[in-house]
Each structure stands twice: as C-alpha cells, then as structure tokens.
C-alpha cells in the first residue's frame, strides 16, 4: 500500500535483543493533505533503514508499507511496516527550482 502526506511526529527509537541479535525500530505519524486529513502511524524496522530514510518532521513523503496483524495469547496486534519512503518535497527544495533559490 502507499500513502502520501506530511510527517507530523517522529517518535523515539526502540531497540532490543532477541535470540537473532539486536534490533531497532522507529515510529512516525503521517497526516494526509486532504479536506479531511487522515493520520497513519507506521514504523521503520532496522537501523540501516532508519538511517537510509532519515525521516524528519514536516517532510512531505510517499510511504510504501505493508499492514500487518498478528495474534498472540488471544490478543491482536497491528502495525504498518514501511519498506520504502520517497520524499515528495525533493523537487520543491531542489537548487534548480527558481522558487526555492530565491528564498534560500
């Protein structure tokens, strides 16, 4: 699935150790830019992906994600794991864009 919007919150990273080794995850909140905005909480798993995407507050992005649901001990848990993040604002902040060059 894909969704476009603005990052309105970057939550603190989480980390831990399992039998497979150490892991790191970070959650973000995206708000769509529609008449009736929607919010999506999604996570990026893995220190390498967190660094690669380097998601910052107020960025406009397109997030590709897989929704997940798991059942453990008669309880359901859900998440939206991002596997790709593209910056929508890359064109707007380009040095070749005359509108941003005047404000820089």
C-alpha atoms as a PDB file:
ATOM      1  CA  UNK A   1       0.000   0.000   0.000  1.00  0.00           C
ATOM      2  CA  UNK A   2       1.059   3.605  -0.483  1.00  0.00           C
ATOM      3  CA  UNK A   3       0.124   6.850   1.206  1.00  0.00           C
ATOM      4  CA  UNK A   4       1.270  10.444   0.748  1.00  0.00           C
ATOM      5  CA  UNK A   5       1.368  13.104   3.411  1.00  0.00           C
ATOM      6  CA  UNK A   6       3.372  15.177   5.839  1.00  0.00           C
ATOM      7  CA  UNK A   7       5.339  13.788   8.802  1.00  0.00           C
ATOM      8  CA  UNK A   8       3.815  15.346  11.922  1.00  0.00           C
ATOM      9  CA  UNK A   9       5.628  13.275  14.577  1.00  0.00           C
ATOM     10  CA  UNK A  10       8.872  11.327  14.879  1.00  0.00           C
ATOM     11  CA  UNK A  11       8.711   9.070  17.919  1.00  0.00           C
ATOM     12  CA  UNK A  12      11.760   7.916  19.912  1.00  0.00           C
ATOM     13  CA  UNK A  13      13.532   4.827  18.559  1.00  0.00           C
ATOM     14  CA  UNK A  14      13.009   1.458  20.245  1.00  0.00           C
ATOM     15  CA  UNK A  15      15.617  -1.288  20.442  1.00  0.00           C
ATOM     16  CA  UNK A  16      16.176  -4.662  21.982  1.00  0.00           C
ATOM     17  CA  UNK A  17      17.905  -8.001  21.759  1.00  0.00           C
ATOM     18  CA  UNK A  18      16.460 -11.336  20.726  1.00  0.00           C
ATOM     19  CA  UNK A  19      17.946 -14.752  20.005  1.00  0.00           C
ATOM     20  CA  UNK A  20      18.623 -13.459  16.479  1.00  0.00           C
ATOM     21  CA  UNK A  21      20.563 -10.421  17.715  1.00  0.00           C
ATOM     22  CA  UNK A  22      19.909  -6.744  18.235  1.00  0.00           C
ATOM     23  CA  UNK A  23      17.100  -4.835  16.544  1.00  0.00           C
ATOM     24  CA  UNK A  24      15.958  -1.234  16.236  1.00  0.00           C
ATOM     25  CA  UNK A  25      12.627   0.269  15.194  1.00  0.00           C
ATOM     26  CA  UNK A  26      11.234   3.789  14.948  1.00  0.00           C
ATOM     27  CA  UNK A  27       7.663   5.013  14.543  1.00  0.00           C
ATOM     28  CA  UNK A  28       6.369   8.034  12.646  1.00  0.00           C
ATOM     29  CA  UNK A  29       2.994   9.711  12.214  1.00  0.00           C
ATOM     30  CA  UNK A  30       1.960  10.849   8.737  1.00  0.00           C
ATOM     31  CA  UNK A  31      -1.001  13.141   8.086  1.00  0.00           C
ATOM     32  CA  UNK A  32      -2.598  13.241   4.647  1.00  0.00           C
ATOM     33  CA  UNK A  33      -3.177  16.597   2.987  1.00  0.00           C
ATOM     34  CA  UNK A  34      -6.865  16.303   2.125  1.00  0.00           C
ATOM     35  CA  UNK A  35     -10.021  18.183   3.046  1.00  0.00           C
ATOM     36  CA  UNK A  36     -10.479  15.653   5.873  1.00  0.00           C
ATOM     37  CA  UNK A  37      -6.922  14.605   6.795  1.00  0.00           C
ATOM     38  CA  UNK A  38      -6.220  11.095   7.983  1.00  0.00           C
ATOM     39  CA  UNK A  39      -3.324  10.010  10.176  1.00  0.00           C
ATOM     40  CA  UNK A  40      -1.249   6.863   9.870  1.00  0.00           C
ATOM     41  CA  UNK A  41       1.197   5.501  12.425  1.00  0.00           C
ATOM     42  CA  UNK A  42       3.915   3.499  10.673  1.00  0.00           C
ATOM     43  CA  UNK A  43       7.239   2.021  11.654  1.00  0.00           C
ATOM     44  CA  UNK A  44      10.611   1.513  10.032  1.00  0.00           C
ATOM     45  CA  UNK A  45      12.437  -1.605  11.173  1.00  0.00           C
ATOM     46  CA  UNK A  46      16.221  -1.884  11.175  1.00  0.00           C
ATOM     47  CA  UNK A  47      18.934   0.638  11.951  1.00  0.00           C
ATOM     48  CA  UNK A  48      20.089   0.632   8.325  1.00  0.00           C
ATOM     49  CA  UNK A  49      16.599   1.524   7.003  1.00  0.00           C
ATOM     50  CA  UNK A  50      16.104   4.198   9.688  1.00  0.00           C
ATOM     51  CA  UNK A  51      19.356   5.859   8.613  1.00  0.00           C
ATOM     52  CA  UNK A  52      18.637   5.363   4.902  1.00  0.00           C
ATOM     53  CA  UNK A  53      15.216   7.014   5.056  1.00  0.00           C
ATOM     54  CA  UNK A  54      16.292   9.694   7.582  1.00  0.00           C
ATOM     55  CA  UNK A  55      12.696  10.858   8.036  1.00  0.00           C
ATOM     56  CA  UNK A  56      12.339  14.354   9.507  1.00  0.00           C
ATOM     57  CA  UNK A  57       9.325  16.268  10.872  1.00  0.00           C
ATOM     58  CA  UNK A  58       7.367  18.381   8.351  1.00  0.00           C
ATOM     59  CA  UNK A  59       8.648  16.471   5.326  1.00  0.00           C
ATOM     60  CA  UNK A  60       6.189  15.550   2.589  1.00  0.00           C
ATOM     61  CA  UNK A  61       6.707  11.889   1.736  1.00  0.00           C
ATOM     62  CA  UNK A  62       5.194   8.922  -0.049  1.00  0.00           C
ATOM     63  CA  UNK A  63       5.360   5.819   2.147  1.00  0.00           C
ATOM     64  CA  UNK A  64       5.075   2.280   0.788  1.00  0.00           C
ATOM     65  CA  UNK A  65       4.076  -0.061   3.590  1.00  0.00           C
ATOM     66  CA  UNK A  66       2.684  -3.472   4.448  1.00  0.00           C
ATOM     67  CA  UNK A  67      -0.139  -3.574   7.006  1.00  0.00           C
ATOM     68  CA  UNK A  68       0.289  -6.437   9.466  1.00  0.00           C
ATOM     69  CA  UNK A  69      -1.881  -8.109  12.075  1.00  0.00           C
ATOM     70  CA  UNK A  70      -0.723 -10.805  14.497  1.00  0.00           C
ATOM     71  CA  UNK A  71      -2.437 -12.726  17.253  1.00  0.00           C
ATOM     72  CA  UNK A  72      -0.602 -13.608  20.462  1.00  0.00           C
ATOM     73  CA  UNK A  73      -2.273 -15.016  23.567  1.00  0.00           C
ATOM     74  CA  UNK A  74      -5.775 -14.207  22.346  1.00  0.00           C
ATOM     75  CA  UNK A  75      -4.851 -10.555  21.638  1.00  0.00           C
ATOM     76  CA  UNK A  76      -4.493  -8.932  18.232  1.00  0.00           C
ATOM     77  CA  UNK A  77      -1.685  -6.514  17.409  1.00  0.00           C
ATOM     78  CA  UNK A  78      -1.274  -4.440  14.273  1.00  0.00           C
ATOM     79  CA  UNK A  79       1.426  -2.422  12.582  1.00  0.00           C
ATOM     80  CA  UNK A  80       2.203  -0.701   9.309  1.00  0.00           C
ATOM     81  CA  UNK A  81       5.776  -1.580   8.348  1.00  0.00           C
ATOM     82  CA  UNK A  82       7.306   0.824   5.800  1.00  0.00           C
ATOM     83  CA  UNK A  83       9.570  -0.711   3.181  1.00  0.00           C
ATOM     84  CA  UNK A  84      10.154   2.415   1.094  1.00  0.00           C
ATOM     85  CA  UNK A  85       9.973   6.171   1.707  1.00  0.00           C
ATOM     86  CA  UNK A  86      10.248   8.770  -1.061  1.00  0.00           C
ATOM     87  CA  UNK A  87      10.470  12.484  -0.438  1.00  0.00           C
ATOM     88  CA  UNK A  88       7.750  14.415  -2.233  1.00  0.00           C
ATOM     89  CA  UNK A  89       9.442  17.686  -1.309  1.00  0.00           C
ATOM     90  CA  UNK A  90      12.672  16.808  -3.185  1.00  0.00           C
ATOM     91  CA  UNK A  91      11.510  18.727  -6.260  1.00  0.00           C
ATOM     92  CA  UNK A  92      10.327  21.710  -4.218  1.00  0.00           C
ATOM     93  CA  UNK A  93      13.649  22.034  -2.396  1.00  0.00           C
ATOM     94  CA  UNK A  94      15.842  21.436  -5.437  1.00  0.00           C
ATOM     95  CA  UNK A  95      18.559  24.092  -6.000  1.00  0.00           C
ATOM     96  CA  UNK A  96      17.448  24.176  -9.650  1.00  0.00           C
ATOM     97  CA  UNK A  97      13.960  25.301  -8.645  1.00  0.00           C
ATOM     98  CA  UNK A  98      13.835  29.125  -9.026  1.00  0.00           C
ATOM     99  CA  UNK A  99      11.144  29.462  -6.316  1.00  0.00           C
ATOM    100  CA  UNK A 100      13.346  27.911  -3.613  1.00  0.00           C
ATOM    101  CA  UNK A 101      16.547  29.543  -4.858  1.00  0.00           C
ATOM    102  CA  UNK A 102      15.046  32.988  -4.168  1.00  0.00           C
ATOM    103  CA  UNK A 103      14.136  32.051  -0.604  1.00  0.00           C
ATOM    104  CA  UNK A 104      17.363  30.216   0.239  1.00  0.00           C
END
